[in-house]
N, C-alpha and C. Protein backbone atom coordinates (compact mmCIF):
# COMPACT_ATOMS: atom_id res chain seq x y z
N UNK A 1 0.86 -1.16 0.00
CA UNK A 1 0.00 0.00 0.00
C UNK A 1 0.90 1.22 0.00
N UNK A 2 0.65 2.11 -0.92
CA UNK A 2 1.48 3.31 -0.99
C UNK A 2 0.71 4.45 -1.62
N UNK A 3 1.21 5.63 -1.33
CA UNK A 3 0.74 6.85 -1.97
C UNK A 3 1.97 7.51 -2.54
N UNK A 4 2.05 7.60 -3.85
CA UNK A 4 3.25 8.12 -4.48
C UNK A 4 4.42 7.24 -4.12
N UNK A 5 5.48 7.86 -3.58
CA UNK A 5 6.66 7.11 -3.19
C UNK A 5 6.60 6.65 -1.73
N UNK A 6 5.58 7.09 -0.99
CA UNK A 6 5.46 6.74 0.43
C UNK A 6 4.77 5.39 0.58
N UNK A 7 5.49 4.43 1.13
CA UNK A 7 4.92 3.11 1.36
C UNK A 7 4.38 3.05 2.78
N UNK A 8 3.13 2.61 2.91
CA UNK A 8 2.45 2.61 4.19
C UNK A 8 2.36 1.25 4.84
N UNK A 9 2.39 0.21 4.06
CA UNK A 9 2.23 -1.11 4.64
C UNK A 9 2.01 -2.17 3.58
N UNK A 10 1.62 -3.34 4.04
CA UNK A 10 1.42 -4.49 3.16
C UNK A 10 0.00 -4.99 3.35
N UNK A 11 -0.63 -5.35 2.28
CA UNK A 11 -1.96 -5.94 2.33
C UNK A 11 -1.89 -7.31 1.68
N UNK A 12 -2.25 -8.35 2.44
CA UNK A 12 -2.26 -9.71 1.91
C UNK A 12 -3.70 -10.14 1.69
N UNK A 13 -4.00 -10.64 0.52
CA UNK A 13 -5.30 -11.20 0.21
C UNK A 13 -5.09 -12.64 -0.23
N UNK A 14 -6.02 -13.51 0.14
CA UNK A 14 -5.90 -14.92 -0.20
C UNK A 14 -7.11 -15.37 -1.00
N UNK A 15 -6.92 -16.40 -1.82
CA UNK A 15 -8.02 -17.03 -2.54
C UNK A 15 -7.77 -18.52 -2.59
N UNK A 16 -8.76 -19.26 -3.00
CA UNK A 16 -8.68 -20.71 -2.97
C UNK A 16 -7.84 -21.31 -4.08
N UNK A 17 -7.66 -20.59 -5.20
CA UNK A 17 -6.91 -21.13 -6.32
C UNK A 17 -5.60 -20.38 -6.50
N UNK A 18 -4.61 -21.06 -7.06
CA UNK A 18 -3.33 -20.41 -7.32
C UNK A 18 -3.30 -19.89 -8.75
N UNK A 19 -2.28 -19.10 -9.06
CA UNK A 19 -2.13 -18.60 -10.41
C UNK A 19 -2.38 -17.10 -10.49
N UNK A 20 -2.18 -16.56 -11.68
CA UNK A 20 -2.34 -15.12 -11.84
C UNK A 20 -3.80 -14.70 -11.69
N UNK A 21 -3.98 -13.45 -11.28
CA UNK A 21 -5.33 -12.90 -11.14
C UNK A 21 -5.90 -12.54 -12.50
N UNK A 22 -7.19 -12.70 -12.63
CA UNK A 22 -7.87 -12.22 -13.84
C UNK A 22 -7.92 -10.69 -13.76
N UNK A 23 -8.20 -10.02 -14.86
CA UNK A 23 -8.31 -8.55 -14.79
C UNK A 23 -9.32 -8.07 -13.75
N UNK A 24 -10.47 -8.75 -13.64
CA UNK A 24 -11.47 -8.35 -12.64
C UNK A 24 -10.96 -8.58 -11.21
N UNK A 25 -10.27 -9.71 -10.99
CA UNK A 25 -9.72 -9.98 -9.66
C UNK A 25 -8.65 -8.97 -9.29
N UNK A 26 -7.80 -8.61 -10.25
CA UNK A 26 -6.78 -7.61 -9.99
C UNK A 26 -7.41 -6.27 -9.66
N UNK A 27 -8.44 -5.90 -10.39
CA UNK A 27 -9.15 -4.64 -10.11
C UNK A 27 -9.73 -4.66 -8.70
N UNK A 28 -10.32 -5.80 -8.29
CA UNK A 28 -10.87 -5.92 -6.94
C UNK A 28 -9.78 -5.79 -5.89
N UNK A 29 -8.63 -6.43 -6.13
CA UNK A 29 -7.52 -6.36 -5.18
C UNK A 29 -7.01 -4.93 -5.05
N UNK A 30 -6.92 -4.22 -6.15
CA UNK A 30 -6.45 -2.83 -6.11
C UNK A 30 -7.46 -1.94 -5.39
N UNK A 31 -8.74 -2.20 -5.56
CA UNK A 31 -9.76 -1.45 -4.83
C UNK A 31 -9.63 -1.70 -3.33
N UNK A 32 -9.42 -2.97 -2.95
CA UNK A 32 -9.22 -3.30 -1.53
C UNK A 32 -8.01 -2.55 -0.96
N UNK A 33 -6.93 -2.52 -1.73
CA UNK A 33 -5.73 -1.81 -1.28
C UNK A 33 -6.01 -0.32 -1.12
N UNK A 34 -6.74 0.26 -2.07
CA UNK A 34 -7.08 1.68 -1.97
C UNK A 34 -7.95 1.97 -0.75
N UNK A 35 -8.93 1.10 -0.49
CA UNK A 35 -9.80 1.29 0.67
C UNK A 35 -9.02 1.17 1.98
N UNK A 36 -8.12 0.18 2.05
CA UNK A 36 -7.32 0.01 3.26
C UNK A 36 -6.37 1.19 3.46
N UNK A 37 -5.80 1.69 2.38
CA UNK A 37 -4.92 2.86 2.47
C UNK A 37 -5.70 4.07 2.95
N UNK A 38 -6.89 4.26 2.41
CA UNK A 38 -7.74 5.37 2.84
C UNK A 38 -8.09 5.26 4.31
N UNK A 39 -8.39 4.03 4.77
CA UNK A 39 -8.71 3.81 6.18
C UNK A 39 -7.53 4.16 7.07
N UNK A 40 -6.32 3.82 6.63
CA UNK A 40 -5.12 4.16 7.41
C UNK A 40 -4.95 5.68 7.53
N UNK A 41 -5.21 6.37 6.44
CA UNK A 41 -4.97 7.81 6.42
C UNK A 41 -6.06 8.61 7.11
N UNK A 42 -7.30 8.14 7.04
CA UNK A 42 -8.42 8.91 7.60
C UNK A 42 -8.78 8.49 9.02
N UNK A 43 -8.35 7.32 9.45
CA UNK A 43 -8.69 6.86 10.79
C UNK A 43 -10.11 6.35 10.88
N UNK A 44 -10.72 5.96 9.76
CA UNK A 44 -12.11 5.53 9.75
C UNK A 44 -12.32 4.10 10.22
N UNK A 45 -11.26 3.36 10.52
CA UNK A 45 -11.45 1.99 10.98
C UNK A 45 -10.31 1.60 11.90
N UNK A 46 -10.38 0.38 12.40
CA UNK A 46 -9.32 -0.12 13.27
C UNK A 46 -8.01 -0.23 12.52
N UNK A 47 -8.04 -0.29 11.19
CA UNK A 47 -6.80 -0.34 10.42
C UNK A 47 -5.94 0.88 10.65
N UNK A 48 -6.55 1.98 11.09
CA UNK A 48 -5.79 3.20 11.31
C UNK A 48 -4.85 3.10 12.51
N UNK A 49 -5.02 2.08 13.35
CA UNK A 49 -4.14 1.88 14.49
C UNK A 49 -2.83 1.28 13.96
N UNK A 50 -1.78 2.09 13.95
CA UNK A 50 -0.52 1.65 13.37
C UNK A 50 0.32 0.79 14.30
N UNK A 51 -0.08 0.69 15.57
CA UNK A 51 0.68 -0.14 16.50
C UNK A 51 0.60 -1.59 16.06
N UNK A 52 1.76 -2.22 15.89
CA UNK A 52 1.80 -3.63 15.60
C UNK A 52 1.69 -4.01 14.15
N UNK A 53 1.75 -3.04 13.24
CA UNK A 53 1.65 -3.38 11.82
C UNK A 53 2.79 -4.31 11.42
N UNK A 54 3.99 -4.05 11.91
CA UNK A 54 5.10 -4.94 11.58
C UNK A 54 4.82 -6.35 12.07
N UNK A 55 4.24 -6.47 13.26
CA UNK A 55 3.90 -7.78 13.80
C UNK A 55 2.86 -8.45 12.92
N UNK A 56 1.87 -7.69 12.47
CA UNK A 56 0.84 -8.28 11.61
C UNK A 56 1.44 -8.81 10.32
N UNK A 57 2.35 -8.05 9.72
CA UNK A 57 3.00 -8.51 8.49
C UNK A 57 3.78 -9.79 8.76
N UNK A 58 4.43 -9.88 9.91
CA UNK A 58 5.19 -11.08 10.25
C UNK A 58 4.25 -12.27 10.45
N UNK A 59 3.11 -12.03 11.07
CA UNK A 59 2.14 -13.12 11.27
C UNK A 59 1.66 -13.63 9.91
N UNK A 60 1.34 -12.72 9.00
CA UNK A 60 0.87 -13.15 7.68
C UNK A 60 1.96 -13.88 6.91
N UNK A 61 3.20 -13.45 7.05
CA UNK A 61 4.30 -14.16 6.40
C UNK A 61 4.43 -15.56 7.00
N UNK A 62 4.34 -15.65 8.31
CA UNK A 62 4.43 -16.96 8.97
C UNK A 62 3.27 -17.85 8.57
N UNK A 63 2.08 -17.28 8.42
CA UNK A 63 0.92 -18.06 7.97
C UNK A 63 1.23 -18.68 6.61
N UNK A 64 1.81 -17.92 5.72
CA UNK A 64 2.17 -18.46 4.41
C UNK A 64 3.16 -19.60 4.52
N UNK A 65 4.13 -19.45 5.40
CA UNK A 65 5.14 -20.50 5.56
C UNK A 65 4.51 -21.77 6.16
N UNK A 66 3.62 -21.61 7.13
CA UNK A 66 2.95 -22.76 7.74
C UNK A 66 2.01 -23.42 6.74
N UNK A 67 1.36 -22.62 5.88
CA UNK A 67 0.52 -23.19 4.83
C UNK A 67 1.32 -24.16 3.97
N UNK A 68 2.53 -23.77 3.60
CA UNK A 68 3.37 -24.61 2.77
C UNK A 68 3.87 -25.82 3.55
N UNK A 69 4.28 -25.59 4.80
CA UNK A 69 4.82 -26.69 5.61
C UNK A 69 3.79 -27.80 5.82
N UNK A 70 2.53 -27.41 6.03
CA UNK A 70 1.50 -28.39 6.37
C UNK A 70 0.52 -28.68 5.23
N UNK A 71 0.64 -27.95 4.13
CA UNK A 71 -0.32 -28.07 3.01
C UNK A 71 -1.75 -27.86 3.50
N UNK A 72 -1.96 -26.74 4.20
CA UNK A 72 -3.27 -26.40 4.74
C UNK A 72 -3.68 -25.02 4.25
N UNK A 73 -4.92 -24.64 4.54
CA UNK A 73 -5.43 -23.33 4.17
C UNK A 73 -4.83 -22.25 5.08
N UNK A 74 -5.00 -21.01 4.67
CA UNK A 74 -4.52 -19.88 5.49
C UNK A 74 -5.21 -19.88 6.85
N UNK A 75 -6.50 -20.18 6.85
CA UNK A 75 -7.26 -20.21 8.11
C UNK A 75 -6.69 -21.26 9.06
N UNK A 76 -6.42 -22.45 8.54
CA UNK A 76 -5.87 -23.52 9.38
C UNK A 76 -4.45 -23.19 9.85
N UNK A 77 -3.66 -22.57 8.97
CA UNK A 77 -2.30 -22.19 9.36
C UNK A 77 -2.33 -21.17 10.49
N UNK A 78 -3.23 -20.19 10.41
CA UNK A 78 -3.34 -19.20 11.48
C UNK A 78 -3.81 -19.86 12.78
N UNK A 79 -4.74 -20.79 12.67
CA UNK A 79 -5.19 -21.52 13.86
C UNK A 79 -4.04 -22.29 14.51
N UNK A 80 -3.19 -22.89 13.69
CA UNK A 80 -2.03 -23.61 14.24
C UNK A 80 -1.08 -22.66 14.95
N UNK A 81 -0.83 -21.49 14.34
CA UNK A 81 0.04 -20.49 15.00
C UNK A 81 -0.56 -20.05 16.33
N UNK A 82 -1.84 -19.76 16.33
CA UNK A 82 -2.51 -19.32 17.56
C UNK A 82 -2.50 -20.41 18.62
N UNK A 83 -2.79 -21.64 18.18
CA UNK A 83 -2.78 -22.76 19.12
C UNK A 83 -1.42 -22.98 19.75
N UNK A 84 -0.39 -22.90 18.93
CA UNK A 84 0.98 -23.07 19.44
C UNK A 84 1.29 -21.97 20.44
N UNK A 85 0.93 -20.74 20.10
CA UNK A 85 1.20 -19.61 20.98
C UNK A 85 0.48 -19.80 22.32
N UNK A 86 -0.78 -20.20 22.28
CA UNK A 86 -1.54 -20.42 23.50
C UNK A 86 -0.91 -21.53 24.34
N UNK A 87 -0.60 -22.65 23.69
CA UNK A 87 -0.05 -23.81 24.41
C UNK A 87 1.29 -23.52 25.04
N UNK A 88 2.06 -22.58 24.46
CA UNK A 88 3.39 -22.26 24.96
C UNK A 88 3.46 -20.92 25.67
N UNK A 89 2.28 -20.34 25.96
CA UNK A 89 2.18 -19.06 26.68
C UNK A 89 3.04 -17.98 26.02
N UNK A 90 2.91 -17.87 24.70
CA UNK A 90 3.63 -16.87 23.92
C UNK A 90 2.64 -16.03 23.13
N UNK A 91 3.09 -14.88 22.67
CA UNK A 91 2.29 -14.07 21.78
C UNK A 91 2.40 -14.63 20.36
N UNK A 92 1.34 -14.46 19.57
CA UNK A 92 1.35 -14.96 18.19
C UNK A 92 2.49 -14.31 17.40
N UNK A 93 2.77 -13.03 17.66
CA UNK A 93 3.87 -12.36 16.98
C UNK A 93 5.22 -13.00 17.28
N UNK A 94 5.40 -13.45 18.52
CA UNK A 94 6.65 -14.11 18.89
C UNK A 94 6.79 -15.44 18.14
N UNK A 95 5.70 -16.18 18.05
CA UNK A 95 5.72 -17.46 17.33
C UNK A 95 6.00 -17.20 15.85
N UNK A 96 5.38 -16.16 15.30
CA UNK A 96 5.59 -15.82 13.89
C UNK A 96 7.06 -15.52 13.63
N UNK A 97 7.70 -14.77 14.51
CA UNK A 97 9.12 -14.46 14.33
C UNK A 97 9.97 -15.73 14.36
N UNK A 98 9.58 -16.69 15.20
CA UNK A 98 10.31 -17.96 15.25
C UNK A 98 10.16 -18.73 13.94
N UNK A 99 8.95 -18.72 13.38
CA UNK A 99 8.71 -19.41 12.11
C UNK A 99 9.50 -18.73 10.99
N UNK A 100 9.41 -17.41 10.92
CA UNK A 100 10.11 -16.66 9.87
C UNK A 100 11.62 -16.85 9.98
N UNK A 101 12.12 -16.88 11.21
CA UNK A 101 13.55 -17.08 11.44
C UNK A 101 13.99 -18.52 11.29
N UNK A 102 13.06 -19.38 10.93
CA UNK A 102 13.31 -20.81 10.71
C UNK A 102 13.82 -21.52 11.97
N UNK A 103 13.39 -21.01 13.12
CA UNK A 103 13.72 -21.66 14.39
C UNK A 103 12.57 -22.56 14.85
N UNK A 104 11.41 -22.42 14.18
CA UNK A 104 10.23 -23.25 14.50
C UNK A 104 9.62 -23.69 13.18
N UNK A 105 9.34 -24.98 13.09
CA UNK A 105 8.72 -25.53 11.88
C UNK A 105 7.56 -26.41 12.32
N UNK A 106 6.46 -26.29 11.62
CA UNK A 106 5.27 -27.10 11.90
C UNK A 106 5.30 -28.30 10.97
N UNK A 107 5.08 -29.49 11.56
CA UNK A 107 5.09 -30.72 10.78
C UNK A 107 3.99 -31.64 11.25
N UNK A 108 3.30 -32.27 10.32
CA UNK A 108 2.33 -33.33 10.62
C UNK A 108 1.22 -32.92 11.56
N UNK A 109 0.49 -33.93 12.04
CA UNK A 109 -0.61 -33.69 12.98
C UNK A 109 -0.07 -33.31 14.33
N UNK A 110 -0.77 -32.35 15.01
CA UNK A 110 -0.34 -32.03 16.37
C UNK A 110 -0.64 -33.20 17.29
N UNK A 111 0.29 -33.52 18.14
CA UNK A 111 0.10 -34.65 19.05
C UNK A 111 -0.43 -34.18 20.38
């Protein structure tokens, strides 16, 4: 998300199929990015709270890595991150940093 040369953040969108976006899907994604950028600048939603944006980006990156590690959906990968954090009395952001740093890897069914 950016305005001119100023970069404000990252917006991740997921869908069920892989591959390039169709022109309509790309247009929808760009509209979502514009709306989120506007929300950041105007303060019209919770997105305007800039505290923890870096942590959120790390969580989404870790979700992607867990999706690949376990061959699961984004929703299931986030649930696994949250479950691990709860079980180990850690914050989800801390677990995400461990996954991104390749110090924690999710494998197979949880025992």
